[in-house]
Amino acid sequence: MPVIKLPKLKTDKVKADLKEALSKLAKGGFRKIFDHLDQLKIKKGVDKLGIEKFINQCAFLAAGSGAIIGLGGFSTILIGVPLDIANLITQQFRVTMAIAYYNTGSTSLDFNDFMRIVASSLRVDTGMAISKNVMEEVAEKLMVNIGSKTAERLMPVVGAAIGGTVNYLFIKRIGDNLLKKNPQQTIVIK
């Protein structure tokens, strides 16, 4: 098996950049993604396809970006990882919103209630209020889940299969975790 030699990374700079990216994601990125979701369109999708097929559709959309990122190896990872992360978060939010609708019948969900559901799907303890720390913890868990398989995507072609599979299974697992909870555990609207 050929040995692949990667350039050395300055880990302190990478850690600082990652911490800054997590902070930006927690501050406004989640809100921006949430605001761009069409709750009525998600409702129609769940009504038309059913919850299981809707989750599968979201998982396939997530798998597509993971496969594309892994297709070209290192060169596509540098450019594509931010896009893959944005798509994966969007698909997770769509699944979360669909399951909230499926459990409650309501299509109007405010951002704080929504983030409680997202946090519970990632097993983040939210306590009483959604704070900046909770949103940073959600961002950190997402990055760990997403980044854990990035190294395997470095090999062209094989990376596509790995990237697509990892993204697909991530979204399916989120959907399964939320579906297993009863509506009272999943959403608390005051």
N, C-alpha and C. Protein backbone atom coordinates (compact mmCIF):
# COMPACT_ATOMS: atom_id res chain seq x y z
N MET A 1 0.85 -1.17 0.00
CA MET A 1 0.00 0.00 0.00
C MET A 1 0.90 1.24 0.00
N PRO A 2 0.64 2.21 -0.91
CA PRO A 2 1.49 3.40 -0.98
C PRO A 2 1.27 4.28 0.26
N VAL A 3 2.37 4.92 0.65
CA VAL A 3 2.32 5.80 1.81
C VAL A 3 2.05 7.22 1.31
N ILE A 4 1.08 7.85 1.90
CA ILE A 4 0.74 9.22 1.54
C ILE A 4 1.33 10.14 2.58
N LYS A 5 2.15 11.08 2.14
CA LYS A 5 2.77 12.02 3.07
C LYS A 5 2.06 13.36 2.96
N LEU A 6 1.49 13.79 4.06
CA LEU A 6 0.77 15.05 4.10
C LEU A 6 1.66 16.15 4.65
N PRO A 7 1.44 17.39 4.22
CA PRO A 7 2.24 18.49 4.76
C PRO A 7 1.91 18.69 6.24
N LYS A 8 2.91 19.16 7.00
CA LYS A 8 2.70 19.42 8.41
C LYS A 8 1.82 20.65 8.58
N LEU A 9 0.88 20.55 9.49
CA LEU A 9 -0.01 21.67 9.78
C LEU A 9 0.40 22.31 11.10
N LYS A 10 0.24 23.61 11.17
CA LYS A 10 0.49 24.31 12.42
C LYS A 10 -0.77 24.15 13.26
N THR A 11 -0.72 23.22 14.22
CA THR A 11 -1.92 22.86 14.97
C THR A 11 -2.48 24.01 15.80
N ASP A 12 -1.60 24.87 16.33
CA ASP A 12 -2.11 25.99 17.12
C ASP A 12 -2.96 26.92 16.27
N LYS A 13 -2.50 27.20 15.06
CA LYS A 13 -3.26 28.07 14.16
C LYS A 13 -4.56 27.39 13.75
N VAL A 14 -4.50 26.09 13.46
CA VAL A 14 -5.70 25.35 13.08
C VAL A 14 -6.72 25.38 14.22
N LYS A 15 -6.26 25.17 15.45
CA LYS A 15 -7.16 25.20 16.61
C LYS A 15 -7.79 26.58 16.78
N ALA A 16 -6.98 27.64 16.63
CA ALA A 16 -7.50 29.00 16.77
C ALA A 16 -8.51 29.31 15.68
N ASP A 17 -8.20 28.90 14.44
CA ASP A 17 -9.13 29.12 13.32
C ASP A 17 -10.43 28.35 13.53
N LEU A 18 -10.33 27.12 14.02
CA LEU A 18 -11.51 26.31 14.26
C LEU A 18 -12.37 26.93 15.36
N LYS A 19 -11.73 27.41 16.42
CA LYS A 19 -12.48 28.04 17.51
C LYS A 19 -13.20 29.30 17.01
N GLU A 20 -12.53 30.07 16.16
CA GLU A 20 -13.16 31.26 15.59
C GLU A 20 -14.33 30.89 14.69
N ALA A 21 -14.16 29.84 13.88
CA ALA A 21 -15.24 29.39 13.00
C ALA A 21 -16.44 28.90 13.81
N LEU A 22 -16.18 28.17 14.90
CA LEU A 22 -17.26 27.70 15.76
C LEU A 22 -18.02 28.87 16.37
N SER A 23 -17.27 29.88 16.78
CA SER A 23 -17.91 31.06 17.37
C SER A 23 -18.79 31.78 16.36
N LYS A 24 -18.30 31.94 15.14
CA LYS A 24 -19.09 32.59 14.09
C LYS A 24 -20.34 31.78 13.75
N LEU A 25 -20.18 30.47 13.69
CA LEU A 25 -21.31 29.59 13.41
C LEU A 25 -22.37 29.72 14.50
N ALA A 26 -21.92 29.74 15.74
CA ALA A 26 -22.86 29.85 16.86
C ALA A 26 -23.52 31.22 16.91
N LYS A 27 -22.80 32.27 16.57
CA LYS A 27 -23.34 33.63 16.65
C LYS A 27 -24.42 33.89 15.61
N GLY A 28 -24.16 33.56 14.36
CA GLY A 28 -25.13 33.92 13.33
C GLY A 28 -25.40 32.88 12.29
N GLY A 29 -24.52 31.92 12.16
CA GLY A 29 -24.65 30.92 11.11
C GLY A 29 -25.88 30.05 11.25
N PHE A 30 -26.14 29.57 12.47
CA PHE A 30 -27.33 28.75 12.69
C PHE A 30 -28.59 29.52 12.40
N ARG A 31 -28.62 30.77 12.85
CA ARG A 31 -29.82 31.60 12.64
C ARG A 31 -30.05 31.82 11.15
N LYS A 32 -28.97 32.07 10.42
CA LYS A 32 -29.08 32.31 8.98
C LYS A 32 -29.64 31.08 8.26
N ILE A 33 -29.12 29.90 8.61
CA ILE A 33 -29.61 28.67 7.99
C ILE A 33 -31.07 28.46 8.35
N PHE A 34 -31.42 28.66 9.63
CA PHE A 34 -32.80 28.51 10.09
C PHE A 34 -33.73 29.44 9.32
N ASP A 35 -33.34 30.70 9.17
CA ASP A 35 -34.19 31.69 8.50
C ASP A 35 -34.41 31.36 7.02
N HIS A 36 -33.48 30.63 6.40
CA HIS A 36 -33.62 30.29 4.99
C HIS A 36 -34.42 29.01 4.74
N LEU A 37 -34.76 28.31 5.81
CA LEU A 37 -35.58 27.11 5.64
C LEU A 37 -37.04 27.50 5.46
N ASP A 38 -37.69 26.88 4.52
CA ASP A 38 -39.10 27.13 4.27
C ASP A 38 -39.91 26.07 5.02
N GLN A 39 -40.45 26.46 6.19
CA GLN A 39 -41.15 25.50 7.04
C GLN A 39 -42.38 24.91 6.34
N LEU A 40 -43.05 25.71 5.55
CA LEU A 40 -44.23 25.22 4.84
C LEU A 40 -43.85 24.18 3.78
N LYS A 41 -42.72 24.41 3.11
CA LYS A 41 -42.24 23.46 2.11
C LYS A 41 -41.83 22.13 2.77
N ILE A 42 -41.25 22.22 3.95
CA ILE A 42 -40.88 21.02 4.69
C ILE A 42 -42.14 20.26 5.09
N LYS A 43 -43.16 20.97 5.54
CA LYS A 43 -44.45 20.35 5.90
C LYS A 43 -45.02 19.60 4.70
N LYS A 44 -45.02 20.28 3.53
CA LYS A 44 -45.55 19.65 2.32
C LYS A 44 -44.75 18.40 1.97
N GLY A 45 -43.43 18.46 2.13
CA GLY A 45 -42.58 17.31 1.85
C GLY A 45 -42.89 16.13 2.76
N VAL A 46 -43.10 16.40 4.05
CA VAL A 46 -43.44 15.34 4.99
C VAL A 46 -44.82 14.77 4.68
N ASP A 47 -45.77 15.67 4.35
CA ASP A 47 -47.12 15.20 4.03
C ASP A 47 -47.13 14.34 2.76
N LYS A 48 -46.32 14.71 1.79
CA LYS A 48 -46.30 13.99 0.52
C LYS A 48 -45.51 12.68 0.61
N LEU A 49 -44.32 12.74 1.22
CA LEU A 49 -43.43 11.57 1.23
C LEU A 49 -43.59 10.69 2.46
N GLY A 50 -44.02 11.27 3.55
CA GLY A 50 -43.97 10.58 4.84
C GLY A 50 -42.65 10.90 5.50
N ILE A 51 -42.59 10.74 6.80
CA ILE A 51 -41.40 11.17 7.55
C ILE A 51 -40.16 10.36 7.20
N GLU A 52 -40.30 9.05 7.05
CA GLU A 52 -39.14 8.20 6.76
C GLU A 52 -38.52 8.55 5.40
N LYS A 53 -39.35 8.71 4.39
CA LYS A 53 -38.83 9.05 3.06
C LYS A 53 -38.26 10.46 3.02
N PHE A 54 -38.85 11.36 3.79
CA PHE A 54 -38.31 12.72 3.86
C PHE A 54 -36.92 12.70 4.49
N ILE A 55 -36.75 11.93 5.56
CA ILE A 55 -35.43 11.80 6.19
C ILE A 55 -34.44 11.19 5.21
N ASN A 56 -34.88 10.17 4.47
CA ASN A 56 -34.01 9.56 3.45
C ASN A 56 -33.60 10.57 2.39
N GLN A 57 -34.55 11.38 1.95
CA GLN A 57 -34.25 12.40 0.95
C GLN A 57 -33.17 13.36 1.46
N CYS A 58 -33.32 13.81 2.70
CA CYS A 58 -32.32 14.71 3.29
C CYS A 58 -30.97 14.01 3.42
N ALA A 59 -30.99 12.73 3.80
CA ALA A 59 -29.75 11.97 3.94
C ALA A 59 -29.05 11.82 2.59
N PHE A 60 -29.83 11.59 1.52
CA PHE A 60 -29.23 11.48 0.18
C PHE A 60 -28.65 12.81 -0.28
N LEU A 61 -29.32 13.93 0.05
CA LEU A 61 -28.78 15.24 -0.29
C LEU A 61 -27.46 15.50 0.45
N ALA A 62 -27.41 15.08 1.70
CA ALA A 62 -26.17 15.22 2.48
C ALA A 62 -25.08 14.30 1.91
N ALA A 63 -25.47 13.09 1.52
CA ALA A 63 -24.50 12.15 0.95
C ALA A 63 -23.90 12.68 -0.34
N GLY A 64 -24.72 13.37 -1.12
CA GLY A 64 -24.23 13.93 -2.38
C GLY A 64 -23.08 14.90 -2.18
N SER A 65 -23.22 15.80 -1.22
CA SER A 65 -22.12 16.76 -1.00
C SER A 65 -20.90 16.05 -0.42
N GLY A 66 -21.12 15.05 0.44
CA GLY A 66 -19.99 14.30 0.99
C GLY A 66 -19.23 13.54 -0.08
N ALA A 67 -19.97 12.98 -1.04
CA ALA A 67 -19.33 12.24 -2.12
C ALA A 67 -18.55 13.17 -3.05
N ILE A 68 -19.13 14.31 -3.34
CA ILE A 68 -18.44 15.27 -4.22
C ILE A 68 -17.15 15.75 -3.58
N ILE A 69 -17.18 16.02 -2.29
CA ILE A 69 -16.00 16.50 -1.58
C ILE A 69 -14.90 15.44 -1.61
N GLY A 70 -15.28 14.18 -1.42
CA GLY A 70 -14.29 13.11 -1.39
C GLY A 70 -13.81 12.66 -2.74
N LEU A 71 -14.50 13.05 -3.81
CA LEU A 71 -14.18 12.58 -5.15
C LEU A 71 -12.78 12.97 -5.61
N GLY A 72 -12.40 14.20 -5.37
CA GLY A 72 -11.10 14.67 -5.86
C GLY A 72 -9.98 14.61 -4.86
N GLY A 73 -10.24 14.08 -3.68
CA GLY A 73 -9.19 13.97 -2.68
C GLY A 73 -8.88 15.31 -2.03
N PHE A 74 -7.61 15.55 -1.78
CA PHE A 74 -7.16 16.71 -1.01
C PHE A 74 -7.59 18.04 -1.63
N SER A 75 -7.54 18.13 -2.95
CA SER A 75 -7.86 19.41 -3.61
C SER A 75 -9.31 19.82 -3.40
N THR A 76 -10.24 18.89 -3.46
CA THR A 76 -11.64 19.26 -3.27
C THR A 76 -11.99 19.43 -1.79
N ILE A 77 -11.23 18.80 -0.91
CA ILE A 77 -11.50 18.96 0.52
C ILE A 77 -11.23 20.39 0.95
N LEU A 78 -10.15 20.98 0.47
CA LEU A 78 -9.82 22.35 0.88
C LEU A 78 -10.94 23.34 0.55
N ILE A 79 -11.50 23.20 -0.61
CA ILE A 79 -12.54 24.12 -1.06
C ILE A 79 -13.92 23.68 -0.59
N GLY A 80 -14.15 22.39 -0.59
CA GLY A 80 -15.50 21.89 -0.40
C GLY A 80 -15.96 21.64 1.01
N VAL A 81 -15.06 21.52 1.97
CA VAL A 81 -15.48 21.21 3.33
C VAL A 81 -16.45 22.26 3.89
N PRO A 82 -16.19 23.56 3.72
CA PRO A 82 -17.18 24.52 4.23
C PRO A 82 -18.57 24.35 3.58
N LEU A 83 -18.59 24.05 2.29
CA LEU A 83 -19.87 23.82 1.61
C LEU A 83 -20.54 22.55 2.12
N ASP A 84 -19.74 21.52 2.34
CA ASP A 84 -20.26 20.26 2.86
C ASP A 84 -20.84 20.47 4.26
N ILE A 85 -20.15 21.22 5.09
CA ILE A 85 -20.63 21.50 6.44
C ILE A 85 -21.95 22.26 6.38
N ALA A 86 -22.01 23.28 5.54
CA ALA A 86 -23.25 24.06 5.41
C ALA A 86 -24.40 23.18 4.94
N ASN A 87 -24.15 22.31 3.97
CA ASN A 87 -25.21 21.41 3.48
C ASN A 87 -25.61 20.41 4.56
N LEU A 88 -24.64 19.88 5.27
CA LEU A 88 -24.96 18.90 6.32
C LEU A 88 -25.80 19.54 7.42
N ILE A 89 -25.45 20.74 7.83
CA ILE A 89 -26.23 21.44 8.86
C ILE A 89 -27.63 21.74 8.33
N THR A 90 -27.71 22.18 7.07
CA THR A 90 -29.03 22.45 6.47
C THR A 90 -29.89 21.20 6.46
N GLN A 91 -29.33 20.07 6.07
CA GLN A 91 -30.10 18.83 6.03
C GLN A 91 -30.49 18.38 7.44
N GLN A 92 -29.59 18.58 8.41
CA GLN A 92 -29.94 18.24 9.78
C GLN A 92 -31.09 19.12 10.25
N PHE A 93 -31.04 20.40 9.94
CA PHE A 93 -32.10 21.32 10.33
C PHE A 93 -33.42 20.94 9.66
N ARG A 94 -33.38 20.54 8.38
CA ARG A 94 -34.60 20.13 7.68
C ARG A 94 -35.20 18.89 8.35
N VAL A 95 -34.36 17.91 8.68
CA VAL A 95 -34.84 16.70 9.35
C VAL A 95 -35.43 17.05 10.71
N THR A 96 -34.75 17.89 11.44
CA THR A 96 -35.22 18.28 12.77
C THR A 96 -36.57 18.98 12.68
N MET A 97 -36.69 19.90 11.73
CA MET A 97 -37.94 20.63 11.55
C MET A 97 -39.06 19.69 11.10
N ALA A 98 -38.73 18.75 10.23
CA ALA A 98 -39.74 17.79 9.74
C ALA A 98 -40.25 16.92 10.88
N ILE A 99 -39.36 16.48 11.74
CA ILE A 99 -39.77 15.63 12.84
C ILE A 99 -40.57 16.44 13.87
N ALA A 100 -40.20 17.69 14.08
CA ALA A 100 -40.98 18.56 14.97
C ALA A 100 -42.40 18.71 14.42
N TYR A 101 -42.52 18.92 13.12
CA TYR A 101 -43.85 19.01 12.49
C TYR A 101 -44.60 17.67 12.63
N TYR A 102 -43.91 16.58 12.35
CA TYR A 102 -44.51 15.25 12.42
C TYR A 102 -45.05 14.96 13.82
N ASN A 103 -44.30 15.37 14.84
CA ASN A 103 -44.70 15.11 16.23
C ASN A 103 -45.77 16.06 16.74
N THR A 104 -45.77 17.30 16.26
CA THR A 104 -46.67 18.31 16.84
C THR A 104 -47.77 18.77 15.90
N GLY A 105 -47.57 18.62 14.59
CA GLY A 105 -48.53 19.13 13.63
C GLY A 105 -48.40 20.62 13.39
N SER A 106 -47.42 21.24 14.02
CA SER A 106 -47.23 22.69 13.90
C SER A 106 -46.08 23.00 12.94
N THR A 107 -46.31 24.02 12.11
CA THR A 107 -45.25 24.44 11.20
C THR A 107 -44.58 25.73 11.65
N SER A 108 -45.05 26.31 12.72
CA SER A 108 -44.42 27.54 13.19
C SER A 108 -43.56 27.23 14.41
N LEU A 109 -42.28 27.32 14.21
CA LEU A 109 -41.30 26.99 15.24
C LEU A 109 -40.34 28.16 15.34
N ASP A 110 -40.17 28.70 16.55
CA ASP A 110 -39.22 29.80 16.67
C ASP A 110 -37.81 29.26 16.84
N PHE A 111 -36.84 30.12 16.66
CA PHE A 111 -35.45 29.72 16.62
C PHE A 111 -34.98 29.08 17.92
N ASN A 112 -35.32 29.65 19.06
CA ASN A 112 -34.86 29.10 20.34
C ASN A 112 -35.41 27.70 20.60
N ASP A 113 -36.69 27.49 20.32
CA ASP A 113 -37.26 26.16 20.47
C ASP A 113 -36.59 25.18 19.51
N PHE A 114 -36.35 25.65 18.30
CA PHE A 114 -35.71 24.82 17.29
C PHE A 114 -34.31 24.40 17.74
N MET A 115 -33.54 25.34 18.29
CA MET A 115 -32.18 25.03 18.73
C MET A 115 -32.19 24.05 19.91
N ARG A 116 -33.23 24.09 20.73
CA ARG A 116 -33.35 23.10 21.80
C ARG A 116 -33.47 21.69 21.21
N ILE A 117 -34.25 21.58 20.14
CA ILE A 117 -34.43 20.28 19.49
C ILE A 117 -33.10 19.82 18.87
N VAL A 118 -32.43 20.73 18.17
CA VAL A 118 -31.13 20.40 17.56
C VAL A 118 -30.16 19.96 18.64
N ALA A 119 -30.11 20.69 19.74
CA ALA A 119 -29.19 20.35 20.83
C ALA A 119 -29.52 18.97 21.40
N SER A 120 -30.81 18.67 21.56
CA SER A 120 -31.18 17.36 22.11
C SER A 120 -30.82 16.25 21.13
N SER A 121 -30.90 16.52 19.83
CA SER A 121 -30.55 15.49 18.85
C SER A 121 -29.06 15.17 18.89
N LEU A 122 -28.26 16.14 19.35
CA LEU A 122 -26.82 15.92 19.47
C LEU A 122 -26.41 15.59 20.90
N ARG A 123 -27.42 15.43 21.75
CA ARG A 123 -27.21 15.11 23.16
C ARG A 123 -26.42 16.20 23.88
N VAL A 124 -26.78 17.45 23.62
CA VAL A 124 -26.21 18.59 24.33
C VAL A 124 -27.23 19.00 25.37
N ASP A 125 -26.81 19.18 26.61
CA ASP A 125 -27.73 19.57 27.68
C ASP A 125 -28.00 21.06 27.57
N THR A 126 -29.25 21.42 27.30
CA THR A 126 -29.60 22.82 27.08
C THR A 126 -30.01 23.55 28.33
N GLY A 127 -30.41 22.85 29.36
CA GLY A 127 -30.88 23.54 30.55
C GLY A 127 -32.14 24.32 30.24
N MET A 128 -32.26 25.49 30.78
CA MET A 128 -33.47 26.29 30.62
C MET A 128 -33.46 27.17 29.39
N ALA A 129 -32.36 27.82 29.10
CA ALA A 129 -32.35 28.80 28.02
C ALA A 129 -31.27 28.45 27.00
N ILE A 130 -31.52 28.86 25.79
CA ILE A 130 -30.52 28.69 24.74
C ILE A 130 -29.53 29.85 24.89
N SER A 131 -28.33 29.54 25.26
CA SER A 131 -27.32 30.57 25.44
C SER A 131 -26.25 30.43 24.37
N LYS A 132 -25.35 31.41 24.34
CA LYS A 132 -24.25 31.36 23.39
C LYS A 132 -23.42 30.10 23.64
N ASN A 133 -23.23 29.72 24.89
CA ASN A 133 -22.45 28.52 25.21
C ASN A 133 -23.09 27.26 24.66
N VAL A 134 -24.41 27.16 24.75
CA VAL A 134 -25.11 25.99 24.22
C VAL A 134 -24.95 25.95 22.71
N MET A 135 -25.10 27.10 22.05
CA MET A 135 -24.96 27.12 20.59
C MET A 135 -23.52 26.80 20.19
N GLU A 136 -22.54 27.25 20.97
CA GLU A 136 -21.15 26.90 20.67
C GLU A 136 -20.92 25.40 20.87
N GLU A 137 -21.55 24.82 21.89
CA GLU A 137 -21.42 23.39 22.11
C GLU A 137 -22.06 22.60 20.97
N VAL A 138 -23.20 23.07 20.49
CA VAL A 138 -23.85 22.43 19.33
C VAL A 138 -22.91 22.51 18.13
N ALA A 139 -22.34 23.69 17.89
CA ALA A 139 -21.41 23.86 16.76
C ALA A 139 -20.21 22.94 16.91
N GLU A 140 -19.69 22.83 18.12
CA GLU A 140 -18.54 21.97 18.36
C GLU A 140 -18.87 20.50 18.10
N LYS A 141 -20.03 20.05 18.58
CA LYS A 141 -20.44 18.65 18.34
C LYS A 141 -20.61 18.38 16.84
N LEU A 142 -21.21 19.34 16.13
CA LEU A 142 -21.37 19.17 14.69
C LEU A 142 -20.02 19.07 14.00
N MET A 143 -19.09 19.94 14.37
CA MET A 143 -17.77 19.93 13.75
C MET A 143 -17.03 18.63 14.05
N VAL A 144 -17.15 18.13 15.28
CA VAL A 144 -16.50 16.87 15.62
C VAL A 144 -17.10 15.74 14.79
N ASN A 145 -18.44 15.70 14.71
CA ASN A 145 -19.09 14.65 13.91
C ASN A 145 -18.71 14.74 12.44
N ILE A 146 -18.65 15.94 11.92
CA ILE A 146 -18.33 16.13 10.51
C ILE A 146 -16.86 15.91 10.23
N GLY A 147 -16.02 16.45 11.09
CA GLY A 147 -14.57 16.40 10.86
C GLY A 147 -13.92 15.08 11.16
N SER A 148 -14.61 14.21 11.89
CA SER A 148 -13.98 12.96 12.30
C SER A 148 -13.61 12.06 11.12
N LYS A 149 -14.28 12.19 10.00
CA LYS A 149 -14.00 11.33 8.86
C LYS A 149 -13.36 12.08 7.69
N THR A 150 -12.91 13.32 7.93
CA THR A 150 -12.33 14.11 6.83
C THR A 150 -11.05 13.48 6.30
N ALA A 151 -10.24 12.91 7.18
CA ALA A 151 -8.97 12.32 6.74
C ALA A 151 -9.19 11.19 5.74
N GLU A 152 -10.24 10.39 5.95
CA GLU A 152 -10.50 9.28 5.04
C GLU A 152 -10.93 9.76 3.65
N ARG A 153 -11.38 11.00 3.57
CA ARG A 153 -11.84 11.53 2.28
C ARG A 153 -10.68 12.02 1.41
N LEU A 154 -9.47 11.96 1.92
CA LEU A 154 -8.31 12.45 1.17
C LEU A 154 -7.98 11.59 -0.04
N MET A 155 -8.34 10.34 -0.01
CA MET A 155 -8.04 9.44 -1.13
C MET A 155 -9.12 9.60 -2.20
N PRO A 156 -8.73 10.03 -3.40
CA PRO A 156 -9.72 10.22 -4.46
C PRO A 156 -10.52 8.94 -4.72
N VAL A 157 -11.73 9.08 -5.14
CA VAL A 157 -12.69 8.03 -5.44
C VAL A 157 -13.13 7.28 -4.18
N VAL A 158 -12.19 6.68 -3.46
CA VAL A 158 -12.55 6.00 -2.21
C VAL A 158 -13.12 7.02 -1.24
N GLY A 159 -12.54 8.22 -1.23
CA GLY A 159 -13.02 9.30 -0.37
C GLY A 159 -14.45 9.67 -0.66
N ALA A 160 -14.86 9.56 -1.92
CA ALA A 160 -16.24 9.87 -2.30
C ALA A 160 -17.21 8.90 -1.63
N ALA A 161 -16.87 7.62 -1.68
CA ALA A 161 -17.72 6.61 -1.04
C ALA A 161 -17.77 6.83 0.47
N ILE A 162 -16.63 7.13 1.05
CA ILE A 162 -16.59 7.36 2.50
C ILE A 162 -17.36 8.62 2.86
N GLY A 163 -17.10 9.70 2.13
CA GLY A 163 -17.78 10.98 2.41
C GLY A 163 -19.29 10.88 2.29
N GLY A 164 -19.74 10.25 1.23
CA GLY A 164 -21.18 10.09 1.03
C GLY A 164 -21.80 9.22 2.10
N THR A 165 -21.15 8.13 2.43
CA THR A 165 -21.67 7.21 3.44
C THR A 165 -21.72 7.87 4.82
N VAL A 166 -20.65 8.57 5.18
CA VAL A 166 -20.61 9.22 6.50
C VAL A 166 -21.72 10.25 6.62
N ASN A 167 -21.89 11.09 5.60
CA ASN A 167 -22.94 12.11 5.65
C ASN A 167 -24.33 11.48 5.70
N TYR A 168 -24.55 10.45 4.90
CA TYR A 168 -25.84 9.77 4.88
C TYR A 168 -26.16 9.20 6.27
N LEU A 169 -25.21 8.49 6.84
CA LEU A 169 -25.45 7.87 8.14
C LEU A 169 -25.62 8.90 9.25
N PHE A 170 -24.91 10.03 9.15
CA PHE A 170 -25.06 11.09 10.14
C PHE A 170 -26.49 11.62 10.16
N ILE A 171 -27.04 11.92 8.99
CA ILE A 171 -28.40 12.45 8.91
C ILE A 171 -29.41 11.38 9.34
N LYS A 172 -29.22 10.15 8.91
CA LYS A 172 -30.12 9.07 9.31
C LYS A 172 -30.11 8.88 10.83
N ARG A 173 -28.93 8.95 11.44
CA ARG A 173 -28.82 8.79 12.89
C ARG A 173 -29.54 9.92 13.63
N ILE A 174 -29.38 11.15 13.14
CA ILE A 174 -30.09 12.29 13.74
C ILE A 174 -31.60 12.05 13.66
N GLY A 175 -32.07 11.67 12.48
CA GLY A 175 -33.50 11.40 12.30
C GLY A 175 -33.99 10.29 13.21
N ASP A 176 -33.24 9.21 13.29
CA ASP A 176 -33.63 8.09 14.15
C ASP A 176 -33.66 8.50 15.62
N ASN A 177 -32.65 9.26 16.05
CA ASN A 177 -32.62 9.72 17.45
C ASN A 177 -33.83 10.56 17.79
N LEU A 178 -34.20 11.47 16.88
CA LEU A 178 -35.34 12.34 17.14
C LEU A 178 -36.67 11.58 17.05
N LEU A 179 -36.77 10.63 16.14
CA LEU A 179 -38.00 9.85 16.02
C LEU A 179 -38.24 8.95 17.24
N LYS A 180 -37.17 8.48 17.87
CA LYS A 180 -37.30 7.60 19.03
C LYS A 180 -37.82 8.35 20.25
N LYS A 181 -37.58 9.66 20.29
CA LYS A 181 -38.08 10.45 21.42
C LYS A 181 -39.56 10.71 21.22
N ASN A 182 -40.28 10.82 22.31
CA ASN A 182 -41.69 11.19 22.15
C ASN A 182 -41.78 12.70 22.00
N PRO A 183 -42.89 13.22 21.51
CA PRO A 183 -43.01 14.66 21.26
C PRO A 183 -42.72 15.53 22.49
N GLN A 184 -43.05 15.05 23.67
CA GLN A 184 -42.79 15.84 24.86
C GLN A 184 -41.29 15.97 25.13
N GLN A 185 -40.52 14.95 24.80
CA GLN A 185 -39.08 15.03 24.98
C GLN A 185 -38.44 15.83 23.85
N THR A 186 -39.01 15.77 22.67
CA THR A 186 -38.41 16.39 21.51
C THR A 186 -38.57 17.90 21.51
N ILE A 187 -39.72 18.39 21.92
CA ILE A 187 -39.98 19.82 21.80
C ILE A 187 -40.73 20.33 23.02
N VAL A 188 -40.25 21.43 23.54
CA VAL A 188 -40.92 22.08 24.64
C VAL A 188 -41.16 23.51 24.22
N ILE A 189 -42.38 23.83 23.86
CA ILE A 189 -42.72 25.20 23.44
C ILE A 189 -43.47 25.84 24.60
N LYS A 190 -42.95 27.00 25.00
CA LYS A 190 -43.57 27.71 26.14
C LYS A 190 -44.57 28.72 25.67
